[in-house]
Amino acid sequence: MTVINGGHFSDLEGFYEEISQLFMKDEDWKVGTLDGFDDILYGVETDITWKDSQKSKEDLGLDLTKEFYENKIKQGKPFNVQLIQQKLDELIAGKGQTLFEVLIEIIESHQKIELILD
């Protein structure tokens, strides 16, 4: 079993750091993107318990997600600004996913991983 400890981080960079320590100990690179997080989960077969998941749900919630999308829009290329603007608009309208929800969806898309929110 692997434990993601929500008490160890309060933003996406901290989450990536936590994940890198758990899954990438012997590697010389670290997770730094949502796609990278998804990629490292291929081949993983374990239960993952996310401790302090309620704290993470708040930390990686609406405000941080808005900031995440706004930063990508400001940066422009290589990001698809129209798609990101659409995701931001959906988020503001209450229909879009927060970063926490995106991370949960990524984990749950891997059938050999059982996620337990604690």
Protein backbone atom coordinates (compact mmCIF):
# COMPACT_ATOMS: atom_id res chain seq x y z
CA MET A 1 0.00 0.00 0.00
CA THR A 2 1.13 3.53 -0.80
CA VAL A 3 0.10 6.55 1.25
CA ILE A 4 -0.24 10.04 -0.22
CA ASN A 5 -0.20 12.34 2.79
CA GLY A 6 -2.23 15.50 2.15
CA GLY A 7 -0.63 17.00 5.26
CA HIS A 8 2.70 17.12 3.40
CA PHE A 9 1.60 19.60 0.72
CA SER A 10 -0.85 22.41 -0.03
CA ASP A 11 -0.38 23.01 -3.76
CA LEU A 12 0.18 21.11 -7.00
CA GLU A 13 3.98 21.42 -6.86
CA GLY A 14 3.93 19.92 -3.37
CA PHE A 15 1.72 17.10 -4.62
CA TYR A 16 4.20 16.37 -7.42
CA GLU A 17 7.02 16.34 -4.85
CA GLU A 18 5.08 13.88 -2.66
CA ILE A 19 4.35 11.64 -5.65
CA SER A 20 7.95 11.77 -6.84
CA GLN A 21 9.17 10.64 -3.42
CA LEU A 22 6.66 7.77 -3.36
CA PHE A 23 7.00 6.46 -6.90
CA MET A 24 10.27 7.85 -8.28
CA LYS A 25 12.82 7.31 -5.49
CA ASP A 26 15.45 5.79 -7.79
CA GLU A 27 14.84 8.06 -10.78
CA ASP A 28 16.77 11.18 -11.73
CA TRP A 29 13.65 13.10 -12.77
CA LYS A 30 10.52 14.16 -10.94
CA VAL A 31 6.86 14.38 -11.81
CA GLY A 32 5.95 17.92 -12.84
CA THR A 33 2.79 17.69 -14.94
CA LEU A 34 -0.62 16.03 -14.85
CA ASP A 35 0.39 13.91 -17.88
CA GLY A 36 3.60 12.92 -16.12
CA PHE A 37 1.61 11.86 -13.06
CA ASP A 38 -0.66 9.76 -15.26
CA ASP A 39 2.35 8.21 -17.01
CA ILE A 40 4.09 7.01 -13.83
CA LEU A 41 0.94 5.19 -12.71
CA TYR A 42 1.09 2.79 -15.67
CA GLY A 43 2.33 -0.52 -14.33
CA VAL A 44 1.58 0.42 -10.72
CA GLU A 45 -0.42 -2.23 -8.86
CA THR A 46 -1.18 -1.10 -5.33
CA ASP A 47 -3.77 0.35 -3.04
CA ILE A 48 -3.28 4.08 -2.57
CA THR A 49 -4.59 5.70 0.58
CA TRP A 50 -4.84 9.49 0.38
CA LYS A 51 -4.57 10.67 3.99
CA ASP A 52 -5.96 14.11 4.79
CA SER A 53 -7.81 13.97 1.46
CA GLN A 54 -10.33 16.57 2.68
CA LYS A 55 -7.45 19.03 3.25
CA SER A 56 -6.17 18.26 -0.27
CA LYS A 57 -9.66 18.70 -1.70
CA GLU A 58 -9.70 22.23 -0.23
CA ASP A 59 -6.04 23.02 -1.06
CA LEU A 60 -6.38 21.81 -4.67
CA GLY A 61 -9.87 23.25 -5.05
CA LEU A 62 -11.49 26.09 -6.91
CA ASP A 63 -9.04 28.93 -6.13
CA LEU A 64 -5.87 27.00 -6.94
CA THR A 65 -7.44 25.49 -10.06
CA LYS A 66 -8.48 28.95 -11.31
CA GLU A 67 -4.92 30.17 -10.75
CA PHE A 68 -3.54 27.06 -12.53
CA TYR A 69 -5.64 27.73 -15.66
CA GLU A 70 -5.03 31.51 -15.58
CA ASN A 71 -1.25 30.92 -15.47
CA LYS A 72 -1.43 28.59 -18.48
CA ILE A 73 -3.50 31.16 -20.41
CA LYS A 74 -0.95 33.89 -19.58
CA GLN A 75 1.90 31.64 -20.68
CA GLY A 76 0.20 30.85 -23.97
CA LYS A 77 2.14 28.47 -26.20
CA PRO A 78 2.58 25.51 -26.03
CA PHE A 79 -0.79 25.39 -24.25
CA ASN A 80 -4.11 25.29 -26.10
CA VAL A 81 -5.39 28.61 -24.73
CA GLN A 82 -8.92 28.15 -26.12
CA LEU A 83 -9.29 24.75 -24.44
CA ILE A 84 -7.90 26.06 -21.16
CA GLN A 85 -10.21 29.10 -21.30
CA GLN A 86 -13.13 26.72 -21.84
CA LYS A 87 -12.05 24.66 -18.79
CA LEU A 88 -11.72 27.86 -16.75
CA ASP A 89 -15.17 29.04 -17.86
CA GLU A 90 -16.68 25.66 -16.92
CA LEU A 91 -14.95 25.78 -13.54
CA ILE A 92 -16.28 29.27 -12.79
CA ALA A 93 -19.77 28.16 -13.88
CA GLY A 94 -19.59 25.30 -11.38
CA LYS A 95 -19.38 22.58 -14.05
CA GLY A 96 -15.63 22.05 -14.31
CA GLN A 97 -13.25 19.87 -12.34
CA THR A 98 -10.90 21.12 -9.67
CA LEU A 99 -7.30 19.92 -9.69
CA PHE A 100 -8.18 17.54 -6.85
CA GLU A 101 -10.95 16.01 -8.97
CA VAL A 102 -8.61 15.75 -11.97
CA LEU A 103 -6.01 13.92 -9.85
CA ILE A 104 -8.66 11.54 -8.50
CA GLU A 105 -9.86 10.85 -12.05
CA ILE A 106 -6.29 10.12 -13.17
CA ILE A 107 -5.73 7.66 -10.32
CA GLU A 108 -9.10 5.96 -10.84
CA SER A 109 -8.43 5.55 -14.57
CA HIS A 110 -5.75 2.98 -13.66
CA GLN A 111 -7.61 -0.27 -13.08
CA LYS A 112 -4.89 -1.94 -11.00
CA ILE A 113 -4.96 0.83 -8.40
CA GLU A 114 -7.51 0.97 -5.60
CA LEU A 115 -7.89 4.50 -4.21
CA ILE A 116 -8.99 5.03 -0.62
CA LEU A 117 -9.74 8.60 0.47
CA ASP A 118 -9.03 9.00 4.16
